Amino acid sequence: MAYAQDFLFVFSLFLAGPLFAGFYLVANKVSLNEPVIYPDFFKGFGYYIPVILVWIVGQFLTVLGILALVIPGIYLMVAYMFGVLISIFAGLDFWNSLEYSRRIIHKQWVKFFVFGLLLAVLNIAGALLFGMGLVVSVPVTYYAIYHVFESITQRKEVQQVGEDDRLPG
């Protein structure tokens, strides 16, 4: 069993980010009513470097925040919720993705914190069902995060188009 624990760290550091990115890419296809095939879940590896940088730097800053005073770590954990999504869909580098995510979420941080808590409770309930509930709760969690991200970014695009259409003067 100790053998598996050694690889758990490697998985969480180097494989989890791209696999979660694959969930987001599949959620995007579902949102666009495109057919989903099994290899789509692994397309997050096509964004490996940006996703890994967002993943590692975001986790590192969150851990530093938790070690510092706990509250900054909780703030960053919530604030960086969209970092991977922004990296994938906006094509920003890791720091700009994290910063843009923080700026989006900061405006309504408490709502996102409650949203994160609800998702955590859902996953805990899934884990309590002998882990089998996670088969449903984890994909629902990632689709919910994607759906919120998509609704926020589409609203921002509409606002920017409205602002850009104004005549100078």
Protein backbone atom coordinates (compact mmCIF):
# COMPACT_ATOMS: atom_id res chain seq x y z
CA MET A 1 0.00 0.00 0.00
CA ALA A 2 2.95 2.33 0.60
CA TYR A 3 3.75 2.00 -3.09
CA ALA A 4 0.44 3.63 -4.06
CA GLN A 5 0.95 6.49 -1.59
CA ASP A 6 4.24 7.39 -3.27
CA PHE A 7 2.50 7.81 -6.60
CA LEU A 8 -0.45 9.71 -5.15
CA PHE A 9 1.74 12.79 -4.77
CA VAL A 10 3.03 12.45 -8.34
CA PHE A 11 -0.54 12.02 -9.61
CA SER A 12 -1.86 15.03 -7.74
CA LEU A 13 1.00 17.21 -8.89
CA PHE A 14 1.53 16.22 -12.53
CA LEU A 15 -1.58 14.38 -13.76
CA ALA A 16 -4.60 15.73 -11.90
CA GLY A 17 -4.53 19.18 -13.54
CA PRO A 18 -4.60 17.93 -17.15
CA LEU A 19 -7.21 15.29 -16.29
CA PHE A 20 -9.42 17.96 -14.72
CA ALA A 21 -8.82 20.14 -17.77
CA GLY A 22 -10.15 17.21 -19.81
CA PHE A 23 -13.35 17.30 -17.74
CA TYR A 24 -13.70 21.00 -18.56
CA LEU A 25 -13.13 20.39 -22.27
CA VAL A 26 -15.80 17.69 -22.22
CA ALA A 27 -18.15 20.04 -20.35
CA ASN A 28 -17.56 22.57 -23.13
CA LYS A 29 -18.49 19.97 -25.76
CA VAL A 30 -21.63 19.03 -23.81
CA SER A 31 -22.56 22.71 -23.56
CA LEU A 32 -22.17 23.08 -27.33
CA ASN A 33 -24.23 19.90 -27.93
CA GLU A 34 -21.26 18.23 -29.61
CA PRO A 35 -20.78 14.47 -29.35
CA VAL A 36 -18.37 13.34 -26.64
CA ILE A 37 -16.07 10.36 -27.05
CA TYR A 38 -13.87 8.78 -24.39
CA PRO A 39 -10.52 10.23 -25.66
CA ASP A 40 -11.95 13.75 -25.18
CA PHE A 41 -11.37 13.35 -21.45
CA PHE A 42 -7.61 13.20 -22.12
CA LYS A 43 -7.40 16.27 -24.36
CA GLY A 44 -6.41 18.30 -21.32
CA PHE A 45 -2.91 16.90 -21.84
CA GLY A 46 -2.76 19.05 -24.99
CA TYR A 47 -2.62 22.02 -22.61
CA TYR A 48 -0.16 20.34 -20.27
CA ILE A 49 2.37 23.12 -19.60
CA PRO A 50 -0.11 25.99 -19.03
CA VAL A 51 -2.41 23.79 -16.93
CA ILE A 52 0.42 22.38 -14.83
CA LEU A 53 1.80 25.87 -14.19
CA VAL A 54 -1.64 27.16 -13.15
CA TRP A 55 -2.15 24.03 -11.04
CA ILE A 56 1.21 24.07 -9.25
CA VAL A 57 1.47 27.83 -8.71
CA GLY A 58 -2.17 28.07 -7.59
CA GLN A 59 -1.75 25.18 -5.14
CA PHE A 60 1.56 26.57 -3.87
CA LEU A 61 0.10 30.03 -3.20
CA THR A 62 -2.96 28.50 -1.54
CA VAL A 63 -0.79 26.37 0.76
CA LEU A 64 1.33 29.43 1.62
CA GLY A 65 -1.86 31.32 2.44
CA ILE A 66 -3.11 28.50 4.64
CA LEU A 67 0.23 28.27 6.44
CA ALA A 68 0.31 32.04 6.92
CA LEU A 69 -3.07 32.69 8.48
CA VAL A 70 -5.57 30.13 7.08
CA ILE A 71 -7.98 32.85 5.85
CA PRO A 72 -5.75 33.97 2.93
CA GLY A 73 -5.44 30.33 1.88
CA ILE A 74 -9.20 29.85 1.88
CA TYR A 75 -9.58 33.10 -0.07
CA LEU A 76 -7.07 31.94 -2.71
CA MET A 77 -8.56 28.44 -2.89
CA VAL A 78 -11.87 29.99 -3.92
CA ALA A 79 -10.35 32.83 -5.97
CA TYR A 80 -8.34 30.48 -8.19
CA MET A 81 -11.36 28.29 -9.00
CA PHE A 82 -11.39 29.42 -12.65
CA GLY A 83 -7.60 29.49 -13.22
CA VAL A 84 -7.43 26.32 -15.31
CA LEU A 85 -10.55 27.27 -17.28
CA ILE A 86 -9.15 30.69 -18.15
CA SER A 87 -5.85 29.13 -19.17
CA ILE A 88 -7.60 26.70 -21.51
CA PHE A 89 -10.33 28.84 -23.03
CA ALA A 90 -8.72 32.29 -22.98
CA GLY A 91 -5.19 31.09 -23.70
CA LEU A 92 -3.61 33.26 -21.02
CA ASP A 93 -0.35 32.37 -19.31
CA PHE A 94 -0.45 30.91 -15.81
CA TRP A 95 -0.09 34.13 -13.83
CA ASN A 96 -2.63 36.08 -15.85
CA SER A 97 -5.04 33.14 -15.64
CA LEU A 98 -4.77 33.05 -11.86
CA GLU A 99 -5.02 36.82 -11.55
CA TYR A 100 -8.00 37.09 -13.90
CA SER A 101 -9.74 34.29 -11.99
CA ARG A 102 -9.12 36.13 -8.74
CA ARG A 103 -10.51 39.38 -10.17
CA ILE A 104 -13.68 37.68 -11.46
CA ILE A 105 -14.37 35.84 -8.22
CA HIS A 106 -13.36 38.66 -5.85
CA LYS A 107 -16.44 40.69 -6.80
CA GLN A 108 -18.77 38.01 -5.39
CA TRP A 109 -16.37 35.96 -3.28
CA VAL A 110 -18.91 34.94 -0.64
CA LYS A 111 -21.25 33.48 -3.28
CA PHE A 112 -18.39 31.48 -4.77
CA PHE A 113 -17.33 30.33 -1.31
CA VAL A 114 -20.86 29.02 -0.62
CA PHE A 115 -20.90 27.42 -4.09
CA GLY A 116 -17.59 25.69 -3.29
CA LEU A 117 -18.93 24.50 0.06
CA LEU A 118 -22.02 23.04 -1.60
CA LEU A 119 -19.84 21.20 -4.09
CA ALA A 120 -17.64 19.92 -1.25
CA VAL A 121 -20.71 18.64 0.63
CA LEU A 122 -21.89 16.92 -2.55
CA ASN A 123 -18.53 15.17 -2.94
CA ILE A 124 -18.37 14.22 0.74
CA ALA A 125 -21.83 12.67 0.40
CA GLY A 126 -20.56 10.82 -2.66
CA ALA A 127 -17.57 9.54 -0.72
CA LEU A 128 -19.79 8.35 2.11
CA LEU A 129 -21.53 6.02 -0.32
CA PHE A 130 -18.44 3.79 -0.22
CA GLY A 131 -16.79 6.05 -2.78
CA MET A 132 -19.18 4.98 -5.51
CA GLY A 133 -21.09 8.26 -5.30
CA LEU A 134 -17.94 10.05 -6.45
CA VAL A 135 -18.49 8.53 -9.88
CA VAL A 136 -21.46 10.89 -10.14
CA SER A 137 -20.51 13.77 -7.83
CA VAL A 138 -17.06 14.55 -9.30
CA PRO A 139 -18.26 15.00 -12.90
CA VAL A 140 -21.25 17.01 -11.63
CA THR A 141 -18.83 19.21 -9.67
CA TYR A 142 -16.66 19.97 -12.70
CA TYR A 143 -19.64 20.55 -14.95
CA ALA A 144 -21.16 22.92 -12.37
CA ILE A 145 -17.91 24.91 -12.16
CA TYR A 146 -17.70 25.02 -15.95
CA HIS A 147 -21.34 26.10 -16.25
CA VAL A 148 -20.83 28.99 -13.79
CA PHE A 149 -17.63 29.99 -15.61
CA GLU A 150 -19.39 29.89 -18.98
CA SER A 151 -22.33 31.98 -17.78
CA ILE A 152 -20.02 34.61 -16.25
CA THR A 153 -17.71 34.86 -19.25
CA GLN A 154 -20.58 35.04 -21.75
CA ARG A 155 -22.12 37.85 -19.72
CA LYS A 156 -18.76 39.69 -19.73
CA GLU A 157 -18.44 39.24 -23.52
CA VAL A 158 -21.91 40.73 -24.00
CA GLN A 159 -20.99 43.68 -21.74
CA GLN A 160 -17.72 44.25 -23.64
CA VAL A 161 -19.50 44.15 -27.00
CA GLY A 162 -22.01 46.67 -25.68
CA GLU A 163 -19.22 48.94 -24.49
CA ASP A 164 -17.26 48.57 -27.76
CA ASP A 165 -20.32 49.48 -29.84
CA ARG A 166 -20.62 52.93 -28.25
CA LEU A 167 -19.78 55.76 -30.54
CA PRO A 168 -16.92 58.00 -29.45
CA GLY A 169 -17.94 61.43 -28.50
